C-alpha cells in the first residue's frame, strides 16, 4: 500500500507521522475527490476526539 495507508485507512503515530496538517490535507484531498462523485461520508470517532483535545489544549492556561 504505502507508508501511511494500511488496509483500513491511514496509519501512523499521532502527532508524529499523523499531524493535524496531514489530516487537513488528506481530508481536503478526499473532499475534492468525493465531491466529484457526490458520495458524502463521515468518520467522527477518532477525528472528534483529536479535535476536542486540540480545543482543550488551546483553551488551557
N, C-alpha and C. Protein backbone atom coordinates (compact mmCIF):
# COMPACT_ATOMS: atom_id res chain seq x y z
N UNK A 1 0.82 -1.19 0.00
CA UNK A 1 0.00 0.00 0.00
C UNK A 1 0.86 1.25 0.00
N UNK A 2 1.56 1.51 1.02
CA UNK A 2 2.36 2.72 1.10
C UNK A 2 2.75 2.98 2.54
N UNK A 3 3.47 4.04 2.73
CA UNK A 3 3.98 4.35 4.05
C UNK A 3 2.87 4.68 5.05
N UNK A 4 1.85 5.40 4.64
CA UNK A 4 0.80 5.83 5.56
C UNK A 4 -0.50 5.05 5.46
N UNK A 5 -0.73 4.36 4.35
CA UNK A 5 -2.03 3.74 4.13
C UNK A 5 -1.98 2.25 4.40
N UNK A 6 -2.85 1.79 5.31
CA UNK A 6 -2.98 0.37 5.61
C UNK A 6 -4.26 -0.17 5.02
N UNK A 7 -4.62 -1.37 5.41
CA UNK A 7 -5.81 -2.00 4.86
C UNK A 7 -7.10 -1.31 5.30
N UNK A 8 -7.06 -0.62 6.44
CA UNK A 8 -8.27 0.02 6.97
C UNK A 8 -8.16 1.54 7.02
N UNK A 9 -7.22 2.12 6.31
CA UNK A 9 -7.11 3.58 6.29
C UNK A 9 -5.70 4.05 6.54
N UNK A 10 -5.60 5.27 7.05
CA UNK A 10 -4.30 5.89 7.30
C UNK A 10 -3.78 5.40 8.64
N UNK A 11 -2.51 5.09 8.68
CA UNK A 11 -1.91 4.59 9.91
C UNK A 11 -0.66 5.38 10.25
N UNK A 12 -0.36 5.46 11.52
CA UNK A 12 0.84 6.13 11.99
C UNK A 12 0.66 6.59 13.42
N UNK A 13 1.72 7.12 13.98
CA UNK A 13 1.71 7.60 15.36
C UNK A 13 1.15 9.02 15.39
N UNK A 14 0.14 9.23 16.23
CA UNK A 14 -0.48 10.56 16.34
C UNK A 14 0.55 11.58 16.78
N UNK A 15 0.49 12.73 16.16
CA UNK A 15 1.38 13.86 16.41
C UNK A 15 2.84 13.58 16.04
N UNK A 16 3.07 12.49 15.36
CA UNK A 16 4.40 12.23 14.80
C UNK A 16 4.24 12.07 13.30
N UNK A 17 3.83 10.88 12.84
CA UNK A 17 3.54 10.72 11.41
C UNK A 17 2.20 11.35 11.05
N UNK A 18 1.24 11.26 11.95
CA UNK A 18 -0.10 11.79 11.70
C UNK A 18 -0.27 13.12 12.43
N UNK A 19 -0.09 14.19 11.70
CA UNK A 19 -0.20 15.53 12.28
C UNK A 19 -1.53 16.15 11.89
N UNK A 20 -1.87 17.24 12.56
CA UNK A 20 -3.09 17.96 12.21
C UNK A 20 -3.01 18.46 10.77
N UNK A 21 -1.84 18.89 10.35
CA UNK A 21 -1.66 19.38 8.98
C UNK A 21 -1.89 18.27 7.96
N UNK A 22 -1.37 17.08 8.26
CA UNK A 22 -1.57 15.94 7.35
C UNK A 22 -3.05 15.57 7.30
N UNK A 23 -3.72 15.55 8.46
CA UNK A 23 -5.14 15.22 8.50
C UNK A 23 -5.95 16.21 7.67
N UNK A 24 -5.61 17.49 7.78
CA UNK A 24 -6.31 18.51 6.99
C UNK A 24 -6.07 18.31 5.50
N UNK A 25 -4.83 18.03 5.13
CA UNK A 25 -4.51 17.82 3.71
C UNK A 25 -5.21 16.58 3.16
N UNK A 26 -5.23 15.49 3.92
CA UNK A 26 -5.91 14.28 3.47
C UNK A 26 -7.41 14.50 3.37
N UNK A 27 -7.98 15.20 4.34
CA UNK A 27 -9.41 15.49 4.30
C UNK A 27 -9.78 16.36 3.11
N UNK A 28 -8.96 17.36 2.83
CA UNK A 28 -9.22 18.24 1.68
C UNK A 28 -9.13 17.46 0.38
N UNK A 29 -8.12 16.60 0.27
CA UNK A 29 -7.96 15.79 -0.94
C UNK A 29 -9.14 14.83 -1.11
N UNK A 30 -9.57 14.21 -0.02
CA UNK A 30 -10.71 13.29 -0.10
C UNK A 30 -11.99 14.04 -0.46
N UNK A 31 -12.18 15.22 0.12
CA UNK A 31 -13.38 16.01 -0.19
C UNK A 31 -13.41 16.40 -1.67
N UNK A 32 -12.27 16.81 -2.20
CA UNK A 32 -12.22 17.17 -3.62
C UNK A 32 -12.56 15.96 -4.48
N UNK A 33 -12.00 14.83 -4.15
CA UNK A 33 -12.22 13.61 -4.93
C UNK A 33 -13.67 13.14 -4.83
N UNK A 34 -14.19 13.10 -3.61
CA UNK A 34 -15.55 12.59 -3.41
C UNK A 34 -16.61 13.56 -3.89
N UNK A 35 -16.31 14.85 -3.91
CA UNK A 35 -17.32 15.81 -4.36
C UNK A 35 -17.64 15.60 -5.84
N UNK A 36 -16.69 15.06 -6.57
CA UNK A 36 -16.94 14.77 -7.99
C UNK A 36 -17.91 13.61 -8.17
N UNK A 37 -17.91 12.69 -7.20
CA UNK A 37 -18.80 11.52 -7.31
C UNK A 37 -20.10 11.71 -6.54
N UNK A 38 -20.19 12.76 -5.73
CA UNK A 38 -21.40 13.01 -4.95
C UNK A 38 -21.58 12.03 -3.81
N UNK A 39 -20.49 11.45 -3.30
CA UNK A 39 -20.58 10.45 -2.23
C UNK A 39 -20.12 11.05 -0.90
N UNK A 40 -21.07 11.57 -0.10
CA UNK A 40 -20.67 12.11 1.21
C UNK A 40 -20.37 10.98 2.18
N UNK A 41 -19.52 11.24 3.15
CA UNK A 41 -19.21 10.25 4.17
C UNK A 41 -18.64 10.93 5.40
N UNK A 42 -18.75 10.25 6.55
CA UNK A 42 -18.26 10.83 7.79
C UNK A 42 -17.65 9.74 8.65
N UNK A 43 -16.56 10.08 9.34
CA UNK A 43 -15.92 9.20 10.31
C UNK A 43 -15.46 10.10 11.44
N UNK A 44 -16.32 10.25 12.45
CA UNK A 44 -16.03 11.21 13.50
C UNK A 44 -15.42 10.60 14.76
N UNK A 45 -15.36 9.30 14.89
CA UNK A 45 -14.92 8.70 16.15
C UNK A 45 -13.54 9.19 16.56
N UNK A 46 -12.57 9.05 15.73
CA UNK A 46 -11.20 9.46 16.05
C UNK A 46 -11.04 10.95 15.86
N UNK A 47 -11.56 11.48 14.77
CA UNK A 47 -11.42 12.90 14.47
C UNK A 47 -12.02 13.77 15.57
N UNK A 48 -13.20 13.41 16.05
CA UNK A 48 -13.84 14.18 17.11
C UNK A 48 -12.99 14.23 18.37
N UNK A 49 -12.41 13.10 18.75
CA UNK A 49 -11.54 13.05 19.92
C UNK A 49 -10.31 13.93 19.71
N UNK A 50 -9.70 13.83 18.54
CA UNK A 50 -8.49 14.59 18.23
C UNK A 50 -8.78 16.09 18.25
N UNK A 51 -9.87 16.51 17.59
CA UNK A 51 -10.21 17.93 17.55
C UNK A 51 -10.60 18.45 18.93
N UNK A 52 -11.29 17.63 19.71
CA UNK A 52 -11.63 18.02 21.08
C UNK A 52 -10.39 18.25 21.91
N UNK A 53 -9.40 17.39 21.77
CA UNK A 53 -8.15 17.55 22.51
C UNK A 53 -7.42 18.80 22.06
N UNK A 54 -7.42 19.07 20.77
CA UNK A 54 -6.78 20.29 20.26
C UNK A 54 -7.45 21.52 20.86
N UNK A 55 -8.77 21.49 20.97
CA UNK A 55 -9.50 22.63 21.54
C UNK A 55 -9.17 22.80 23.01
N UNK A 56 -9.13 21.69 23.76
CA UNK A 56 -8.80 21.77 25.18
C UNK A 56 -7.39 22.30 25.38
N UNK A 57 -6.46 21.85 24.55
CA UNK A 57 -5.08 22.33 24.64
C UNK A 57 -5.01 23.83 24.36
N UNK A 58 -5.78 24.29 23.39
CA UNK A 58 -5.77 25.71 23.03
C UNK A 58 -6.38 26.56 24.15
N UNK A 59 -7.37 26.02 24.87
CA UNK A 59 -8.04 26.77 25.93
C UNK A 59 -7.31 26.71 27.26
N UNK A 60 -6.34 25.80 27.39
CA UNK A 60 -5.62 25.64 28.65
C UNK A 60 -4.79 26.89 28.95
N UNK A 61 -4.72 27.27 30.24
CA UNK A 61 -3.94 28.47 30.60
C UNK A 61 -2.45 28.29 30.41
